Amino acid sequence: MAALRSIAYSEGAVLVHCAAGKDRTGVVVALALVVAGVSAQAVVDDYAASGDRAAAIVARLRRSRTYAGISTVNRRLLPGPAGDDGGVP
């Protein structure tokens, strides 16, 4: 996996991020933690915590100035209230 190679062979610190830290980014970080020797249970618990916090993270993003700078396509990927496409009113 290219992402893990990039992390492993970087010459300095590495930042892997996304809005909620779940899905693809969460999987990359989970795999990196396993390779680094973190226990499987700790990795699972950390990943599950991201899911538990996703709604609060998305709500904070929607209130932030950063959200206004996100492309329309990406805004539609952020979940909104029922019937909302995630776009800015």
PDB file of N, CA and C in Angstrom:
ATOM      1  N   MET A   1       0.839  -1.177   0.000  1.00  0.00           N
ATOM      2  CA  MET A   1       0.000   0.000   0.000  1.00  0.00           C
ATOM      3  C   MET A   1       0.880   1.235   0.000  1.00  0.00           C
ATOM      4  N   ALA A   2       0.628   2.103  -0.960  1.00  0.00           N
ATOM      5  CA  ALA A   2       1.444   3.305  -1.152  1.00  0.00           C
ATOM      6  C   ALA A   2       1.436   4.216   0.070  1.00  0.00           C
ATOM      7  N   ALA A   3       0.293   4.345   0.718  1.00  0.00           N
ATOM      8  CA  ALA A   3       0.207   5.242   1.881  1.00  0.00           C
ATOM      9  C   ALA A   3       1.125   4.771   3.003  1.00  0.00           C
ATOM     10  N   LEU A   4       1.152   3.476   3.267  1.00  0.00           N
ATOM     11  CA  LEU A   4       2.023   2.954   4.327  1.00  0.00           C
ATOM     12  C   LEU A   4       3.494   3.096   3.947  1.00  0.00           C
ATOM     13  N   ARG A   5       3.823   2.894   2.667  1.00  0.00           N
ATOM     14  CA  ARG A   5       5.209   3.104   2.220  1.00  0.00           C
ATOM     15  C   ARG A   5       5.609   4.561   2.419  1.00  0.00           C
ATOM     16  N   SER A   6       4.721   5.479   2.089  1.00  0.00           N
ATOM     17  CA  SER A   6       5.021   6.900   2.269  1.00  0.00           C
ATOM     18  C   SER A   6       5.273   7.225   3.729  1.00  0.00           C
ATOM     19  N   ILE A   7       4.472   6.653   4.604  1.00  0.00           N
ATOM     20  CA  ILE A   7       4.668   6.872   6.047  1.00  0.00           C
ATOM     21  C   ILE A   7       5.994   6.273   6.495  1.00  0.00           C
ATOM     22  N   ALA A   8       6.245   5.028   6.088  1.00  0.00           N
ATOM     23  CA  ALA A   8       7.439   4.312   6.535  1.00  0.00           C
ATOM     24  C   ALA A   8       8.732   4.962   6.069  1.00  0.00           C
ATOM     25  N   TYR A   9       8.737   5.504   4.863  1.00  0.00           N
ATOM     26  CA  TYR A   9       9.974   6.018   4.298  1.00  0.00           C
ATOM     27  C   TYR A   9      10.095   7.537   4.337  1.00  0.00           C
ATOM     28  N   SER A  10       9.208   8.204   5.034  1.00  0.00           N
ATOM     29  CA  SER A  10       9.337   9.653   5.129  1.00  0.00           C
ATOM     30  C   SER A  10      10.540  10.005   5.997  1.00  0.00           C
ATOM     31  N   GLU A  11      11.127  11.155   5.731  1.00  0.00           N
ATOM     32  CA  GLU A  11      12.312  11.572   6.485  1.00  0.00           C
ATOM     33  C   GLU A  11      11.959  12.340   7.748  1.00  0.00           C
ATOM     34  N   GLY A  12      10.700  12.665   7.915  1.00  0.00           N
ATOM     35  CA  GLY A  12      10.295  13.421   9.096  1.00  0.00           C
ATOM     36  C   GLY A  12       8.941  12.950   9.573  1.00  0.00           C
ATOM     37  N   ALA A  13       8.270  13.831  10.250  1.00  0.00           N
ATOM     38  CA  ALA A  13       6.934  13.523  10.756  1.00  0.00           C
ATOM     39  C   ALA A  13       5.958  13.400   9.592  1.00  0.00           C
ATOM     40  N   VAL A  14       4.897  12.654   9.814  1.00  0.00           N
ATOM     41  CA  VAL A  14       3.880  12.447   8.792  1.00  0.00           C
ATOM     42  C   VAL A  14       2.529  12.825   9.368  1.00  0.00           C
ATOM     43  N   LEU A  15       1.740  13.532   8.571  1.00  0.00           N
ATOM     44  CA  LEU A  15       0.380  13.885   8.964  1.00  0.00           C
ATOM     45  C   LEU A  15      -0.574  13.190   8.007  1.00  0.00           C
ATOM     46  N   VAL A  16      -1.446  12.351   8.564  1.00  0.00           N
ATOM     47  CA  VAL A  16      -2.491  11.685   7.784  1.00  0.00           C
ATOM     48  C   VAL A  16      -3.799  12.157   8.381  1.00  0.00           C
ATOM     49  N   HIS A  17      -4.626  12.812   7.560  1.00  0.00           N
ATOM     50  CA  HIS A  17      -5.857  13.352   8.141  1.00  0.00           C
ATOM     51  C   HIS A  17      -6.991  13.387   7.136  1.00  0.00           C
ATOM     52  N   CYS A  18      -8.166  13.531   7.666  1.00  0.00           N
ATOM     53  CA  CYS A  18      -9.379  13.805   6.896  1.00  0.00           C
ATOM     54  C   CYS A  18     -10.359  14.435   7.883  1.00  0.00           C
ATOM     55  N   ALA A  19     -11.572  14.606   7.475  1.00  0.00           N
ATOM     56  CA  ALA A  19     -12.548  15.272   8.349  1.00  0.00           C
ATOM     57  C   ALA A  19     -12.808  14.497   9.634  1.00  0.00           C
ATOM     58  N   ALA A  20     -13.060  13.207   9.541  1.00  0.00           N
ATOM     59  CA  ALA A  20     -13.461  12.446  10.715  1.00  0.00           C
ATOM     60  C   ALA A  20     -12.467  11.375  11.131  1.00  0.00           C
ATOM     61  N   GLY A  21     -11.500  11.046  10.299  1.00  0.00           N
ATOM     62  CA  GLY A  21     -10.518  10.034  10.667  1.00  0.00           C
ATOM     63  C   GLY A  21     -11.057   8.626  10.615  1.00  0.00           C
ATOM     64  N   LYS A  22     -12.020   8.377   9.814  1.00  0.00           N
ATOM     65  CA  LYS A  22     -12.651   7.077   9.695  1.00  0.00           C
ATOM     66  C   LYS A  22     -12.329   6.537   8.309  1.00  0.00           C
ATOM     67  N   ASP A  23     -13.092   5.718   7.754  1.00  0.00           N
ATOM     68  CA  ASP A  23     -12.990   5.227   6.384  1.00  0.00           C
ATOM     69  C   ASP A  23     -11.543   5.049   5.921  1.00  0.00           C
ATOM     70  N   ARG A  24     -11.187   5.598   4.750  1.00  0.00           N
ATOM     71  CA  ARG A  24      -9.854   5.335   4.177  1.00  0.00           C
ATOM     72  C   ARG A  24      -8.730   5.812   5.076  1.00  0.00           C
ATOM     73  N   THR A  25      -8.812   7.016   5.576  1.00  0.00           N
ATOM     74  CA  THR A  25      -7.745   7.534   6.426  1.00  0.00           C
ATOM     75  C   THR A  25      -7.638   6.716   7.707  1.00  0.00           C
ATOM     76  N   GLY A  26      -8.774   6.364   8.273  1.00  0.00           N
ATOM     77  CA  GLY A  26      -8.770   5.546   9.488  1.00  0.00           C
ATOM     78  C   GLY A  26      -8.147   4.187   9.270  1.00  0.00           C
ATOM     79  N   VAL A  27      -8.402   3.596   8.115  1.00  0.00           N
ATOM     80  CA  VAL A  27      -7.814   2.284   7.800  1.00  0.00           C
ATOM     81  C   VAL A  27      -6.306   2.412   7.645  1.00  0.00           C
ATOM     82  N   VAL A  28      -5.839   3.453   6.961  1.00  0.00           N
ATOM     83  CA  VAL A  28      -4.399   3.655   6.803  1.00  0.00           C
ATOM     84  C   VAL A  28      -3.736   3.817   8.169  1.00  0.00           C
ATOM     85  N   VAL A  29      -4.325   4.635   9.023  1.00  0.00           N
ATOM     86  CA  VAL A  29      -3.756   4.851  10.355  1.00  0.00           C
ATOM     87  C   VAL A  29      -3.818   3.564  11.175  1.00  0.00           C
ATOM     88  N   ALA A  30      -4.926   2.835  11.084  1.00  0.00           N
ATOM     89  CA  ALA A  30      -5.038   1.566  11.810  1.00  0.00           C
ATOM     90  C   ALA A  30      -3.947   0.588  11.378  1.00  0.00           C
ATOM     91  N   LEU A  31      -3.726   0.470  10.078  1.00  0.00           N
ATOM     92  CA  LEU A  31      -2.668  -0.423   9.585  1.00  0.00           C
ATOM     93  C   LEU A  31      -1.286   0.042  10.047  1.00  0.00           C
ATOM     94  N   ALA A  32      -1.044   1.342  10.017  1.00  0.00           N
ATOM     95  CA  ALA A  32       0.240   1.876  10.472  1.00  0.00           C
ATOM     96  C   ALA A  32       0.446   1.585  11.961  1.00  0.00           C
ATOM     97  N   LEU A  33      -0.608   1.708  12.763  1.00  0.00           N
ATOM     98  CA  LEU A  33      -0.500   1.413  14.189  1.00  0.00           C
ATOM     99  C   LEU A  33      -0.183  -0.059  14.435  1.00  0.00           C
ATOM    100  N   VAL A  34      -0.823  -0.943  13.664  1.00  0.00           N
ATOM    101  CA  VAL A  34      -0.549  -2.387  13.804  1.00  0.00           C
ATOM    102  C   VAL A  34       0.908  -2.671  13.451  1.00  0.00           C
ATOM    103  N   VAL A  35       1.383  -2.102  12.347  1.00  0.00           N
ATOM    104  CA  VAL A  35       2.774  -2.303  11.930  1.00  0.00           C
ATOM    105  C   VAL A  35       3.728  -1.768  12.999  1.00  0.00           C
ATOM    106  N   ALA A  36       3.332  -0.685  13.679  1.00  0.00           N
ATOM    107  CA  ALA A  36       4.172  -0.090  14.718  1.00  0.00           C
ATOM    108  C   ALA A  36       4.130  -0.870  16.034  1.00  0.00           C
ATOM    109  N   GLY A  37       3.281  -1.897  16.101  1.00  0.00           N
ATOM    110  CA  GLY A  37       3.252  -2.742  17.284  1.00  0.00           C
ATOM    111  C   GLY A  37       2.147  -2.451  18.282  1.00  0.00           C
ATOM    112  N   VAL A  38       1.208  -1.585  17.929  1.00  0.00           N
ATOM    113  CA  VAL A  38       0.083  -1.304  18.818  1.00  0.00           C
ATOM    114  C   VAL A  38      -0.832  -2.527  18.827  1.00  0.00           C
ATOM    115  N   SER A  39      -1.376  -2.852  19.977  1.00  0.00           N
ATOM    116  CA  SER A  39      -2.226  -4.044  20.075  1.00  0.00           C
ATOM    117  C   SER A  39      -3.468  -3.910  19.190  1.00  0.00           C
ATOM    118  N   ALA A  40      -3.891  -5.030  18.648  1.00  0.00           N
ATOM    119  CA  ALA A  40      -5.069  -5.039  17.769  1.00  0.00           C
ATOM    120  C   ALA A  40      -6.289  -4.478  18.496  1.00  0.00           C
ATOM    121  N   GLN A  41      -6.463  -4.801  19.771  1.00  0.00           N
ATOM    122  CA  GLN A  41      -7.618  -4.310  20.514  1.00  0.00           C
ATOM    123  C   GLN A  41      -7.583  -2.793  20.676  1.00  0.00           C
ATOM    124  N   ALA A  42      -6.410  -2.227  20.918  1.00  0.00           N
ATOM    125  CA  ALA A  42      -6.292  -0.772  21.040  1.00  0.00           C
ATOM    126  C   ALA A  42      -6.615  -0.093  19.705  1.00  0.00           C
ATOM    127  N   VAL A  43      -6.191  -0.704  18.595  1.00  0.00           N
ATOM    128  CA  VAL A  43      -6.479  -0.144  17.270  1.00  0.00           C
ATOM    129  C   VAL A  43      -7.984  -0.180  17.003  1.00  0.00           C
ATOM    130  N   VAL A  44      -8.620  -1.313  17.307  1.00  0.00           N
ATOM    131  CA  VAL A  44     -10.070  -1.445  17.108  1.00  0.00           C
ATOM    132  C   VAL A  44     -10.814  -0.435  17.975  1.00  0.00           C
ATOM    133  N   ASP A  45     -10.414  -0.296  19.235  1.00  0.00           N
ATOM    134  CA  ASP A  45     -11.073   0.657  20.132  1.00  0.00           C
ATOM    135  C   ASP A  45     -10.938   2.091  19.627  1.00  0.00           C
ATOM    136  N   ASP A  46      -9.751   2.454  19.126  1.00  0.00           N
ATOM    137  CA  ASP A  46      -9.519   3.795  18.608  1.00  0.00           C
ATOM    138  C   ASP A  46     -10.362   4.045  17.363  1.00  0.00           C
ATOM    139  N   TYR A  47     -10.417   3.068  16.465  1.00  0.00           N
ATOM    140  CA  TYR A  47     -11.208   3.199  15.241  1.00  0.00           C
ATOM    141  C   TYR A  47     -12.694   3.337  15.577  1.00  0.00           C
ATOM    142  N   ALA A  48     -13.170   2.537  16.519  1.00  0.00           N
ATOM    143  CA  ALA A  48     -14.576   2.611  16.923  1.00  0.00           C
ATOM    144  C   ALA A  48     -14.904   3.965  17.535  1.00  0.00           C
ATOM    145  N   ALA A  49     -13.962   4.540  18.276  1.00  0.00           N
ATOM    146  CA  ALA A  49     -14.187   5.861  18.883  1.00  0.00           C
ATOM    147  C   ALA A  49     -14.395   6.923  17.811  1.00  0.00           C
ATOM    148  N   SER A  50     -13.722   6.782  16.665  1.00  0.00           N
ATOM    149  CA  SER A  50     -13.926   7.735  15.569  1.00  0.00           C
ATOM    150  C   SER A  50     -15.368   7.708  15.104  1.00  0.00           C
ATOM    151  N   GLY A  51     -15.938   6.505  14.982  1.00  0.00           N
ATOM    152  CA  GLY A  51     -17.332   6.368  14.564  1.00  0.00           C
ATOM    153  C   GLY A  51     -18.278   6.998  15.572  1.00  0.00           C
ATOM    154  N   ASP A  52     -17.972   6.813  16.850  1.00  0.00           N
ATOM    155  CA  ASP A  52     -18.813   7.379  17.904  1.00  0.00           C
ATOM    156  C   ASP A  52     -18.794   8.903  17.880  1.00  0.00           C
ATOM    157  N   ARG A  53     -17.686   9.478  17.438  1.00  0.00           N
ATOM    158  CA  ARG A  53     -17.520  10.932  17.467  1.00  0.00           C
ATOM    159  C   ARG A  53     -17.801  11.608  16.126  1.00  0.00           C
ATOM    160  N   ALA A  54     -18.078  10.820  15.094  1.00  0.00           N
ATOM    161  CA  ALA A  54     -18.219  11.371  13.733  1.00  0.00           C
ATOM    162  C   ALA A  54     -19.288  12.451  13.642  1.00  0.00           C
ATOM    163  N   ALA A  55     -20.440  12.247  14.245  1.00  0.00           N
ATOM    164  CA  ALA A  55     -21.521  13.235  14.157  1.00  0.00           C
ATOM    165  C   ALA A  55     -21.084  14.580  14.745  1.00  0.00           C
ATOM    166  N   ALA A  56     -20.402  14.546  15.878  1.00  0.00           N
ATOM    167  CA  ALA A  56     -19.941  15.791  16.505  1.00  0.00           C
ATOM    168  C   ALA A  56     -18.867  16.464  15.655  1.00  0.00           C
ATOM    169  N   ILE A  57     -18.002  15.672  15.050  1.00  0.00           N
ATOM    170  CA  ILE A  57     -16.949  16.233  14.203  1.00  0.00           C
ATOM    171  C   ILE A  57     -17.565  16.911  12.983  1.00  0.00           C
ATOM    172  N   VAL A  58     -18.504  16.237  12.336  1.00  0.00           N
ATOM    173  CA  VAL A  58     -19.154  16.809  11.154  1.00  0.00           C
ATOM    174  C   VAL A  58     -19.928  18.068  11.533  1.00  0.00           C
ATOM    175  N   ALA A  59     -20.606  18.060  12.673  1.00  0.00           N
ATOM    176  CA  ALA A  59     -21.343  19.249  13.120  1.00  0.00           C
ATOM    177  C   ALA A  59     -20.388  20.421  13.323  1.00  0.00           C
ATOM    178  N   ARG A  60     -19.241  20.157  13.918  1.00  0.00           N
ATOM    179  CA  ARG A  60     -18.248  21.218  14.124  1.00  0.00           C
ATOM    180  C   ARG A  60     -17.738  21.729  12.777  1.00  0.00           C
ATOM    181  N   LEU A  61     -17.475  20.829  11.842  1.00  0.00           N
ATOM    182  CA  LEU A  61     -17.022  21.252  10.512  1.00  0.00           C
ATOM    183  C   LEU A  61     -18.058  22.133   9.828  1.00  0.00           C
ATOM    184  N   ARG A  62     -19.323  21.762   9.935  1.00  0.00           N
ATOM    185  CA  ARG A  62     -20.385  22.524   9.276  1.00  0.00           C
ATOM    186  C   ARG A  62     -20.502  23.938   9.845  1.00  0.00           C
ATOM    187  N   ARG A  63     -20.132  24.141  11.107  1.00  0.00           N
ATOM    188  CA  ARG A  63     -20.199  25.469  11.724  1.00  0.00           C
ATOM    189  C   ARG A  63     -18.947  26.302  11.450  1.00  0.00           C
ATOM    190  N   SER A  64     -17.893  25.686  10.946  1.00  0.00           N
ATOM    191  CA  SER A  64     -16.613  26.376  10.819  1.00  0.00           C
ATOM    192  C   SER A  64     -16.481  27.149   9.512  1.00  0.00           C
ATOM    193  N   ARG A  65     -15.559  28.090   9.502  1.00  0.00           N
ATOM    194  CA  ARG A  65     -15.246  28.820   8.277  1.00  0.00           C
ATOM    195  C   ARG A  65     -14.638  27.880   7.246  1.00  0.00           C
ATOM    196  N   THR A  66     -13.942  26.866   7.703  1.00  0.00           N
ATOM    197  CA  THR A  66     -13.311  25.904   6.802  1.00  0.00           C
ATOM    198  C   THR A  66     -14.352  25.266   5.904  1.00  0.00           C
ATOM    199  N   TYR A  67     -15.524  24.969   6.461  1.00  0.00           N
ATOM    200  CA  TYR A  67     -16.575  24.311   5.689  1.00  0.00           C
ATOM    201  C   TYR A  67     -16.959  25.129   4.463  1.00  0.00           C
ATOM    202  N   ALA A  68     -16.984  26.437   4.604  1.00  0.00           N
ATOM    203  CA  ALA A  68     -17.369  27.300   3.481  1.00  0.00           C
ATOM    204  C   ALA A  68     -16.371  27.189   2.339  1.00  0.00           C
ATOM    205  N   GLY A  69     -15.118  26.790   2.635  1.00  0.00           N
ATOM    206  CA  GLY A  69     -14.106  26.658   1.605  1.00  0.00           C
ATOM    207  C   GLY A  69     -14.058  25.282   0.957  1.00  0.00           C
ATOM    208  N   ILE A  70     -14.854  24.348   1.438  1.00  0.00           N
ATOM    209  CA  ILE A  70     -14.868  22.993   0.889  1.00  0.00           C
ATOM    210  C   ILE A  70     -15.679  23.008  -0.403  1.00  0.00           C
ATOM    211  N   SER A  71     -15.207  22.301  -1.395  1.00  0.00           N
ATOM    212  CA  SER A  71     -15.917  22.278  -2.675  1.00  0.00           C
ATOM    213  C   SER A  71     -17.328  21.723  -2.498  1.00  0.00           C
ATOM    214  N   THR A  72     -18.205  22.111  -3.405  1.00  0.00           N
ATOM    215  CA  THR A  72     -19.599  21.648  -3.363  1.00  0.00           C
ATOM    216  C   THR A  72     -19.669  20.135  -3.394  1.00  0.00           C
ATOM    217  N   VAL A  73     -18.840  19.511  -4.218  1.00  0.00           N
ATOM    218  CA  VAL A  73     -18.841  18.040  -4.303  1.00  0.00           C
ATOM    219  C   VAL A  73     -18.513  17.442  -2.948  1.00  0.00           C
ATOM    220  N   ASN A  74     -17.476  17.936  -2.278  1.00  0.00           N
ATOM    221  CA  ASN A  74     -17.112  17.386  -0.977  1.00  0.00           C
ATOM    222  C   ASN A  74     -18.139  17.715   0.091  1.00  0.00           C
ATOM    223  N   ARG A  75     -18.793  18.866  -0.001  1.00  0.00           N
ATOM    224  CA  ARG A  75     -19.836  19.197   0.969  1.00  0.00           C
ATOM    225  C   ARG A  75     -20.960  18.181   0.911  1.00  0.00           C
ATOM    226  N   ARG A  76     -21.264  17.706  -0.274  1.00  0.00           N
ATOM    227  CA  ARG A  76     -22.345  16.733  -0.415  1.00  0.00           C
ATOM    228  C   ARG A  76     -21.991  15.410   0.231  1.00  0.00           C
ATOM    229  N   LEU A  77     -20.702  15.165   0.458  1.00  0.00           N
ATOM    230  CA  LEU A  77     -20.277  13.931   1.112  1.00  0.00           C
ATOM    231  C   LEU A  77     -20.415  14.019   2.627  1.00  0.00           C
ATOM    232  N   LEU A  78     -20.467  15.244   3.157  1.00  0.00           N
ATOM    233  CA  LEU A  78     -20.642  15.405   4.596  1.00  0.00           C
ATOM    234  C   LEU A  78     -22.118  15.212   4.928  1.00  0.00           C
ATOM    235  N   PRO A  79     -22.419  14.275   5.805  1.00  0.00           N
ATOM    236  CA  PRO A  79     -23.828  14.027   6.111  1.00  0.00           C
ATOM    237  C   PRO A  79     -24.493  15.212   6.785  1.00  0.00           C
ATOM    238  N   GLY A  80     -25.698  15.482   6.393  1.00  0.00           N
ATOM    239  CA  GLY A  80     -26.471  16.550   7.006  1.00  0.00           C
ATOM    240  C   GLY A  80     -27.736  15.973   7.607  1.00  0.00           C
ATOM    241  N   PRO A  81     -28.644  16.817   8.070  1.00  0.00           N
ATOM    242  CA  PRO A  81     -29.913  16.337   8.613  1.00  0.00           C
ATOM    243  C   PRO A  81     -30.694  15.569   7.542  1.00  0.00           C
ATOM    244  N   ALA A  82     -31.641  14.781   7.950  1.00  0.00           N
ATOM    245  CA  ALA A  82     -32.439  13.999   7.012  1.00  0.00           C
ATOM    246  C   ALA A  82     -32.975  14.889   5.903  1.00  0.00           C
ATOM    247  N   GLY A  83     -32.789  14.476   4.650  1.00  0.00           N
ATOM    248  CA  GLY A  83     -33.258  15.246   3.517  1.00  0.00           C
ATOM    249  C   GLY A  83     -32.292  16.326   3.064  1.00  0.00           C
ATOM    250  N   ASP A  84     -31.227  16.557   3.814  1.00  0.00           N
ATOM    251  CA  ASP A  84     -30.244  17.568   3.472  1.00  0.00           C
ATOM    252  C   ASP A  84     -29.122  16.916   2.685  1.00  0.00           C
ATOM    253  N   ASP A  85     -28.716  17.532   1.587  1.00  0.00           N
ATOM    254  CA  ASP A  85     -27.629  16.942   0.799  1.00  0.00           C
ATOM    255  C   ASP A  85     -26.255  17.283   1.367  1.00  0.00           C
ATOM    256  N   GLY A  86     -26.203  17.979   2.491  1.00  0.00           N
ATOM    257  CA  GLY A  86     -24.948  18.330   3.125  1.00  0.00           C
ATOM    258  C   GLY A  86     -24.415  19.673   2.673  1.00  0.00           C
ATOM    259  N   GLY A  87     -25.082  20.331   1.729  1.00  0.00           N
ATOM    260  CA  GLY A  87     -24.606  21.614   1.211  1.00  0.00           C
ATOM    261  C   GLY A  87     -24.900  22.758   2.167  1.00  0.00           C
ATOM    262  N   VAL A  88     -24.261  23.871   1.916  1.00  0.00           N
ATOM    263  CA  VAL A  88     -24.469  25.061   2.732  1.00  0.00           C
ATOM    264  C   VAL A  88     -25.780  25.708   2.318  1.00  0.00           C
ATOM    265  N   PRO A  89     -26.644  26.082   3.280  1.00  0.00           N
ATOM    266  CA  PRO A  89     -27.928  26.719   2.933  1.00  0.00           C
ATOM    267  C   PRO A  89     -27.706  28.015   2.168  1.00  0.00           C
TER     268      PRO A  89
END
